[in-house]
């Protein structure tokens, strides 16, 4: 299994509903032919890892938008 970083761990503040926010970090990596977006709390506690659809290439701001939607979904669960 070959793993390669596309974007190293990046800390960000994600705006949630009602002016609330979460301080998190994320990274984007490739394992073999699949791409993943991994999210964690600042203290390295994992939140969620999302497999990105094949061929999906985004810039940093797009990853952060995707991160917000995933966090909203995880928090709602």
PDB file of N, CA and C in Angstrom:
ATOM      1  N   UNK A   1       0.842  -1.174   0.000  1.00  0.00           N
ATOM      2  CA  UNK A   1       0.000   0.000   0.000  1.00  0.00           C
ATOM      3  C   UNK A   1       0.886   1.235   0.000  1.00  0.00           C
ATOM      4  N   UNK A   2       0.763   2.078  -0.991  1.00  0.00           N
ATOM      5  CA  UNK A   2       1.581   3.273  -1.136  1.00  0.00           C
ATOM      6  C   UNK A   2       0.784   4.512  -0.723  1.00  0.00           C
ATOM      7  N   UNK A   3       1.311   5.250   0.241  1.00  0.00           N
ATOM      8  CA  UNK A   3       0.625   6.454   0.726  1.00  0.00           C
ATOM      9  C   UNK A   3       1.486   7.674   0.440  1.00  0.00           C
ATOM     10  N   UNK A   4       0.865   8.708  -0.153  1.00  0.00           N
ATOM     11  CA  UNK A   4       1.591   9.935  -0.477  1.00  0.00           C
ATOM     12  C   UNK A   4       0.747  11.140  -0.079  1.00  0.00           C
ATOM     13  N   UNK A   5       1.388  12.112   0.556  1.00  0.00           N
ATOM     14  CA  UNK A   5       0.694  13.324   0.982  1.00  0.00           C
ATOM     15  C   UNK A   5       0.443  14.236  -0.217  1.00  0.00           C
ATOM     16  N   UNK A   6      -0.777  14.728  -0.327  1.00  0.00           N
ATOM     17  CA  UNK A   6      -1.125  15.735  -1.327  1.00  0.00           C
ATOM     18  C   UNK A   6      -1.094  17.107  -0.657  1.00  0.00           C
ATOM     19  N   UNK A   7      -1.645  17.165   0.554  1.00  0.00           N
ATOM     20  CA  UNK A   7      -1.577  18.371   1.380  1.00  0.00           C
ATOM     21  C   UNK A   7      -1.312  17.930   2.808  1.00  0.00           C
ATOM     22  N   UNK A   8      -0.224  18.424   3.396  1.00  0.00           N
ATOM     23  CA  UNK A   8       0.116  18.079   4.772  1.00  0.00           C
ATOM     24  C   UNK A   8      -0.927  18.628   5.738  1.00  0.00           C
ATOM     25  N   UNK A   9      -0.841  18.200   7.000  1.00  0.00           N
ATOM     26  CA  UNK A   9      -1.789  18.664   8.012  1.00  0.00           C
ATOM     27  C   UNK A   9      -1.829  20.184   8.046  1.00  0.00           C
ATOM     28  N   UNK A  10      -3.031  20.718   7.959  1.00  0.00           N
ATOM     29  CA  UNK A  10      -3.266  22.158   7.927  1.00  0.00           C
ATOM     30  C   UNK A  10      -4.299  22.503   8.991  1.00  0.00           C
ATOM     31  N   UNK A  11      -3.968  23.436   9.881  1.00  0.00           N
ATOM     32  CA  UNK A  11      -4.919  23.864  10.903  1.00  0.00           C
ATOM     33  C   UNK A  11      -5.830  24.930  10.325  1.00  0.00           C
ATOM     34  N   UNK A  12      -7.107  24.849  10.694  1.00  0.00           N
ATOM     35  CA  UNK A  12      -8.080  25.821  10.201  1.00  0.00           C
ATOM     36  C   UNK A  12      -9.205  25.976  11.206  1.00  0.00           C
ATOM     37  N   UNK A  13      -9.923  27.063  11.080  1.00  0.00           N
ATOM     38  CA  UNK A  13     -11.102  27.314  11.901  1.00  0.00           C
ATOM     39  C   UNK A  13     -12.313  27.208  10.979  1.00  0.00           C
ATOM     40  N   UNK A  14     -13.185  26.238  11.250  1.00  0.00           N
ATOM     41  CA  UNK A  14     -14.336  25.981  10.395  1.00  0.00           C
ATOM     42  C   UNK A  14     -15.572  26.609  11.020  1.00  0.00           C
ATOM     43  N   UNK A  15     -16.222  27.493  10.266  1.00  0.00           N
ATOM     44  CA  UNK A  15     -17.450  28.106  10.751  1.00  0.00           C
ATOM     45  C   UNK A  15     -18.589  27.104  10.684  1.00  0.00           C
ATOM     46  N   UNK A  16     -19.286  26.982  11.794  1.00  0.00           N
ATOM     47  CA  UNK A  16     -20.414  26.069  11.879  1.00  0.00           C
ATOM     48  C   UNK A  16     -21.695  26.908  11.875  1.00  0.00           C
ATOM     49  N   UNK A  17     -22.802  26.337  12.291  1.00  0.00           N
ATOM     50  CA  UNK A  17     -24.060  27.069  12.356  1.00  0.00           C
ATOM     51  C   UNK A  17     -24.052  28.040  13.530  1.00  0.00           C
ATOM     52  N   UNK A  18     -24.821  29.111  13.393  1.00  0.00           N
ATOM     53  CA  UNK A  18     -25.057  30.063  14.479  1.00  0.00           C
ATOM     54  C   UNK A  18     -23.773  30.704  15.008  1.00  0.00           C
ATOM     55  N   UNK A  19     -22.877  31.086  14.127  1.00  0.00           N
ATOM     56  CA  UNK A  19     -21.634  31.774  14.472  1.00  0.00           C
ATOM     57  C   UNK A  19     -20.702  30.947  15.353  1.00  0.00           C
ATOM     58  N   UNK A  20     -20.935  29.670  15.444  1.00  0.00           N
ATOM     59  CA  UNK A  20     -20.063  28.783  16.187  1.00  0.00           C
ATOM     60  C   UNK A  20     -18.931  28.354  15.255  1.00  0.00           C
ATOM     61  N   UNK A  21     -17.830  27.905  15.813  1.00  0.00           N
ATOM     62  CA  UNK A  21     -16.729  27.419  14.973  1.00  0.00           C
ATOM     63  C   UNK A  21     -16.020  26.268  15.670  1.00  0.00           C
ATOM     64  N   UNK A  22     -15.260  25.516  14.884  1.00  0.00           N
ATOM     65  CA  UNK A  22     -14.433  24.435  15.401  1.00  0.00           C
ATOM     66  C   UNK A  22     -13.014  24.636  14.882  1.00  0.00           C
ATOM     67  N   UNK A  23     -12.059  24.483  15.779  1.00  0.00           N
ATOM     68  CA  UNK A  23     -10.661  24.494  15.393  1.00  0.00           C
ATOM     69  C   UNK A  23     -10.269  23.058  15.098  1.00  0.00           C
ATOM     70  N   UNK A  24      -9.901  22.801  13.869  1.00  0.00           N
ATOM     71  CA  UNK A  24      -9.566  21.450  13.430  1.00  0.00           C
ATOM     72  C   UNK A  24      -8.339  21.494  12.531  1.00  0.00           C
ATOM     73  N   UNK A  25      -7.890  20.322  12.156  1.00  0.00           N
ATOM     74  CA  UNK A  25      -6.841  20.235  11.140  1.00  0.00           C
ATOM     75  C   UNK A  25      -7.214  19.119  10.182  1.00  0.00           C
ATOM     76  N   UNK A  26      -6.661  19.195   8.984  1.00  0.00           N
ATOM     77  CA  UNK A  26      -6.984  18.199   7.961  1.00  0.00           C
ATOM     78  C   UNK A  26      -5.780  17.968   7.068  1.00  0.00           C
ATOM     79  N   UNK A  27      -5.796  16.827   6.418  1.00  0.00           N
ATOM     80  CA  UNK A  27      -4.776  16.541   5.411  1.00  0.00           C
ATOM     81  C   UNK A  27      -5.445  15.809   4.263  1.00  0.00           C
ATOM     82  N   UNK A  28      -4.817  15.872   3.120  1.00  0.00           N
ATOM     83  CA  UNK A  28      -5.298  15.164   1.937  1.00  0.00           C
ATOM     84  C   UNK A  28      -4.160  14.251   1.499  1.00  0.00           C
ATOM     85  N   UNK A  29      -4.495  12.989   1.274  1.00  0.00           N
ATOM     86  CA  UNK A  29      -3.466  12.039   0.871  1.00  0.00           C
ATOM     87  C   UNK A  29      -4.030  11.029  -0.124  1.00  0.00           C
ATOM     88  N   UNK A  30      -3.101  10.331  -0.756  1.00  0.00           N
ATOM     89  CA  UNK A  30      -3.453   9.304  -1.735  1.00  0.00           C
ATOM     90  C   UNK A  30      -2.911   7.978  -1.241  1.00  0.00           C
ATOM     91  N   UNK A  31      -3.744   6.955  -1.290  1.00  0.00           N
ATOM     92  CA  UNK A  31      -3.308   5.581  -1.042  1.00  0.00           C
ATOM     93  C   UNK A  31      -3.610   4.797  -2.302  1.00  0.00           C
ATOM     94  N   UNK A  32      -2.556   4.324  -2.945  1.00  0.00           N
ATOM     95  CA  UNK A  32      -2.666   3.669  -4.240  1.00  0.00           C
ATOM     96  C   UNK A  32      -3.406   4.600  -5.201  1.00  0.00           C
ATOM     97  N   UNK A  33      -4.613   4.276  -5.623  1.00  0.00           N
ATOM     98  CA  UNK A  33      -5.324   5.131  -6.580  1.00  0.00           C
ATOM     99  C   UNK A  33      -6.444   5.940  -5.935  1.00  0.00           C
ATOM    100  N   UNK A  34      -6.640   5.791  -4.625  1.00  0.00           N
ATOM    101  CA  UNK A  34      -7.728   6.499  -3.941  1.00  0.00           C
ATOM    102  C   UNK A  34      -7.210   7.721  -3.196  1.00  0.00           C
ATOM    103  N   UNK A  35      -8.049   8.764  -3.134  1.00  0.00           N
ATOM    104  CA  UNK A  35      -7.711  10.001  -2.424  1.00  0.00           C
ATOM    105  C   UNK A  35      -8.595  10.128  -1.188  1.00  0.00           C
ATOM    106  N   UNK A  36      -8.008  10.656  -0.091  1.00  0.00           N
ATOM    107  CA  UNK A  36      -8.720  10.777   1.173  1.00  0.00           C
ATOM    108  C   UNK A  36      -8.522  12.161   1.781  1.00  0.00           C
ATOM    109  N   UNK A  37      -9.539  12.621   2.493  1.00  0.00           N
ATOM    110  CA  UNK A  37      -9.488  13.843   3.286  1.00  0.00           C
ATOM    111  C   UNK A  37      -9.663  13.399   4.732  1.00  0.00           C
ATOM    112  N   UNK A  38      -8.612  13.537   5.542  1.00  0.00           N
ATOM    113  CA  UNK A  38      -8.656  13.133   6.944  1.00  0.00           C
ATOM    114  C   UNK A  38      -8.806  14.372   7.815  1.00  0.00           C
ATOM    115  N   UNK A  39      -9.683  14.288   8.822  1.00  0.00           N
ATOM    116  CA  UNK A  39      -9.937  15.410   9.724  1.00  0.00           C
ATOM    117  C   UNK A  39      -9.646  14.992  11.147  1.00  0.00           C
ATOM    118  N   UNK A  40      -9.098  15.924  11.937  1.00  0.00           N
ATOM    119  CA  UNK A  40      -8.801  15.642  13.336  1.00  0.00           C
ATOM    120  C   UNK A  40      -8.951  16.927  14.147  1.00  0.00           C
ATOM    121  N   UNK A  41      -9.191  16.745  15.451  1.00  0.00           N
ATOM    122  CA  UNK A  41      -9.173  17.887  16.357  1.00  0.00           C
ATOM    123  C   UNK A  41      -7.725  18.362  16.462  1.00  0.00           C
ATOM    124  N   UNK A  42      -7.516  19.568  16.952  1.00  0.00           N
ATOM    125  CA  UNK A  42      -6.172  20.124  17.082  1.00  0.00           C
ATOM    126  C   UNK A  42      -5.280  19.221  17.942  1.00  0.00           C
ATOM    127  N   UNK A  43      -5.882  18.499  18.913  1.00  0.00           N
ATOM    128  CA  UNK A  43      -5.100  17.609  19.790  1.00  0.00           C
ATOM    129  C   UNK A  43      -4.839  16.239  19.150  1.00  0.00           C
ATOM    130  N   UNK A  44      -5.077  16.104  17.854  1.00  0.00           N
ATOM    131  CA  UNK A  44      -4.834  14.882  17.064  1.00  0.00           C
ATOM    132  C   UNK A  44      -5.892  13.791  17.236  1.00  0.00           C
ATOM    133  N   UNK A  45      -6.975  14.060  17.945  1.00  0.00           N
ATOM    134  CA  UNK A  45      -8.054  13.090  18.051  1.00  0.00           C
ATOM    135  C   UNK A  45      -8.769  13.029  16.701  1.00  0.00           C
ATOM    136  N   UNK A  46      -8.841  11.848  16.079  1.00  0.00           N
ATOM    137  CA  UNK A  46      -9.486  11.755  14.756  1.00  0.00           C
ATOM    138  C   UNK A  46     -10.968  12.131  14.810  1.00  0.00           C
ATOM    139  N   UNK A  47     -11.439  12.757  13.737  1.00  0.00           N
ATOM    140  CA  UNK A  47     -12.862  13.093  13.599  1.00  0.00           C
ATOM    141  C   UNK A  47     -13.477  12.187  12.542  1.00  0.00           C
ATOM    142  N   UNK A  48     -12.902  12.211  11.340  1.00  0.00           N
ATOM    143  CA  UNK A  48     -13.487  11.453  10.226  1.00  0.00           C
ATOM    144  C   UNK A  48     -12.491  11.419   9.073  1.00  0.00           C
ATOM    145  N   UNK A  49     -12.548  10.375   8.283  1.00  0.00           N
ATOM    146  CA  UNK A  49     -11.781  10.300   7.039  1.00  0.00           C
ATOM    147  C   UNK A  49     -12.766  10.043   5.914  1.00  0.00           C
ATOM    148  N   UNK A  50     -12.679  10.866   4.899  1.00  0.00           N
ATOM    149  CA  UNK A  50     -13.601  10.807   3.771  1.00  0.00           C
ATOM    150  C   UNK A  50     -12.834  10.387   2.522  1.00  0.00           C
ATOM    151  N   UNK A  51     -13.335   9.365   1.835  1.00  0.00           N
ATOM    152  CA  UNK A  51     -12.744   8.989   0.554  1.00  0.00           C
ATOM    153  C   UNK A  51     -13.292   9.930  -0.507  1.00  0.00           C
ATOM    154  N   UNK A  52     -12.404  10.595  -1.222  1.00  0.00           N
ATOM    155  CA  UNK A  52     -12.812  11.539  -2.266  1.00  0.00           C
ATOM    156  C   UNK A  52     -13.128  10.765  -3.540  1.00  0.00           C
ATOM    157  N   UNK A  53     -14.139  11.202  -4.260  1.00  0.00           N
ATOM    158  CA  UNK A  53     -14.481  10.522  -5.527  1.00  0.00           C
ATOM    159  C   UNK A  53     -13.289  10.514  -6.487  1.00  0.00           C
ATOM    160  N   UNK A  54     -13.205   9.472  -7.281  1.00  0.00           N
ATOM    161  CA  UNK A  54     -12.103   9.328  -8.223  1.00  0.00           C
ATOM    162  C   UNK A  54     -12.007  10.550  -9.130  1.00  0.00           C
ATOM    163  N   UNK A  55     -10.810  11.048  -9.292  1.00  0.00           N
ATOM    164  CA  UNK A  55     -10.583  12.185 -10.178  1.00  0.00           C
ATOM    165  C   UNK A  55     -10.880  13.540  -9.564  1.00  0.00           C
ATOM    166  N   UNK A  56     -11.284  13.583  -8.299  1.00  0.00           N
ATOM    167  CA  UNK A  56     -11.627  14.864  -7.672  1.00  0.00           C
ATOM    168  C   UNK A  56     -10.352  15.561  -7.217  1.00  0.00           C
ATOM    169  N   UNK A  57     -10.069  16.679  -7.843  1.00  0.00           N
ATOM    170  CA  UNK A  57      -8.899  17.470  -7.475  1.00  0.00           C
ATOM    171  C   UNK A  57      -9.393  18.858  -7.110  1.00  0.00           C
ATOM    172  N   UNK A  58      -9.037  19.290  -5.925  1.00  0.00           N
ATOM    173  CA  UNK A  58      -9.521  20.572  -5.427  1.00  0.00           C
ATOM    174  C   UNK A  58      -8.351  21.442  -4.995  1.00  0.00           C
ATOM    175  N   UNK A  59      -8.622  22.721  -4.820  1.00  0.00           N
ATOM    176  CA  UNK A  59      -7.628  23.597  -4.219  1.00  0.00           C
ATOM    177  C   UNK A  59      -7.918  23.697  -2.724  1.00  0.00           C
ATOM    178  N   UNK A  60      -7.036  24.368  -1.992  1.00  0.00           N
ATOM    179  CA  UNK A  60      -7.142  24.431  -0.536  1.00  0.00           C
ATOM    180  C   UNK A  60      -8.491  24.962  -0.063  1.00  0.00           C
ATOM    181  N   UNK A  61      -9.004  26.013  -0.674  1.00  0.00           N
ATOM    182  CA  UNK A  61     -10.283  26.586  -0.222  1.00  0.00           C
ATOM    183  C   UNK A  61     -11.434  25.614  -0.458  1.00  0.00           C
ATOM    184  N   UNK A  62     -11.377  24.828  -1.512  1.00  0.00           N
ATOM    185  CA  UNK A  62     -12.427  23.845  -1.782  1.00  0.00           C
ATOM    186  C   UNK A  62     -12.399  22.724  -0.758  1.00  0.00           C
ATOM    187  N   UNK A  63     -11.200  22.291  -0.338  1.00  0.00           N
ATOM    188  CA  UNK A  63     -11.105  21.267   0.705  1.00  0.00           C
ATOM    189  C   UNK A  63     -11.737  21.777   1.992  1.00  0.00           C
ATOM    190  N   UNK A  64     -11.554  23.061   2.300  1.00  0.00           N
ATOM    191  CA  UNK A  64     -12.104  23.614   3.533  1.00  0.00           C
ATOM    192  C   UNK A  64     -13.624  23.722   3.470  1.00  0.00           C
ATOM    193  N   UNK A  65     -14.192  23.974   2.305  1.00  0.00           N
ATOM    194  CA  UNK A  65     -15.652  23.969   2.149  1.00  0.00           C
ATOM    195  C   UNK A  65     -16.172  22.547   2.362  1.00  0.00           C
ATOM    196  N   UNK A  66     -15.525  21.573   1.759  1.00  0.00           N
ATOM    197  CA  UNK A  66     -15.909  20.173   1.932  1.00  0.00           C
ATOM    198  C   UNK A  66     -15.783  19.771   3.401  1.00  0.00           C
ATOM    199  N   UNK A  67     -14.732  20.222   4.048  1.00  0.00           N
ATOM    200  CA  UNK A  67     -14.511  19.943   5.461  1.00  0.00           C
ATOM    201  C   UNK A  67     -15.678  20.438   6.308  1.00  0.00           C
ATOM    202  N   UNK A  68     -16.174  21.636   6.029  1.00  0.00           N
ATOM    203  CA  UNK A  68     -17.295  22.203   6.790  1.00  0.00           C
ATOM    204  C   UNK A  68     -18.540  21.335   6.659  1.00  0.00           C
ATOM    205  N   UNK A  69     -18.857  20.917   5.438  1.00  0.00           N
ATOM    206  CA  UNK A  69     -20.045  20.096   5.235  1.00  0.00           C
ATOM    207  C   UNK A  69     -19.928  18.739   5.924  1.00  0.00           C
ATOM    208  N   UNK A  70     -18.756  18.150   5.898  1.00  0.00           N
ATOM    209  CA  UNK A  70     -18.561  16.872   6.574  1.00  0.00           C
ATOM    210  C   UNK A  70     -18.695  17.070   8.081  1.00  0.00           C
ATOM    211  N   UNK A  71     -18.094  18.133   8.627  1.00  0.00           N
ATOM    212  CA  UNK A  71     -18.193  18.392  10.054  1.00  0.00           C
ATOM    213  C   UNK A  71     -19.651  18.628  10.474  1.00  0.00           C
ATOM    214  N   UNK A  72     -20.397  19.378   9.685  1.00  0.00           N
ATOM    215  CA  UNK A  72     -21.805  19.607  10.006  1.00  0.00           C
ATOM    216  C   UNK A  72     -22.555  18.286  10.049  1.00  0.00           C
ATOM    217  N   UNK A  73     -22.243  17.388   9.130  1.00  0.00           N
ATOM    218  CA  UNK A  73     -22.895  16.083   9.082  1.00  0.00           C
ATOM    219  C   UNK A  73     -22.501  15.223  10.284  1.00  0.00           C
ATOM    220  N   UNK A  74     -21.210  15.229  10.637  1.00  0.00           N
ATOM    221  CA  UNK A  74     -20.737  14.431  11.762  1.00  0.00           C
ATOM    222  C   UNK A  74     -21.293  14.958  13.074  1.00  0.00           C
ATOM    223  N   UNK A  75     -21.350  16.276  13.236  1.00  0.00           N
ATOM    224  CA  UNK A  75     -21.876  16.871  14.457  1.00  0.00           C
ATOM    225  C   UNK A  75     -23.368  16.576  14.588  1.00  0.00           C
ATOM    226  N   UNK A  76     -24.089  16.547  13.473  1.00  0.00           N
ATOM    227  CA  UNK A  76     -25.531  16.299  13.495  1.00  0.00           C
ATOM    228  C   UNK A  76     -25.850  14.838  13.805  1.00  0.00           C
ATOM    229  N   UNK A  77     -24.890  13.942  13.557  1.00  0.00           N
ATOM    230  CA  UNK A  77     -25.141  12.505  13.762  1.00  0.00           C
ATOM    231  C   UNK A  77     -25.163  12.125  15.226  1.00  0.00           C
TER     232      UNK A  77
END
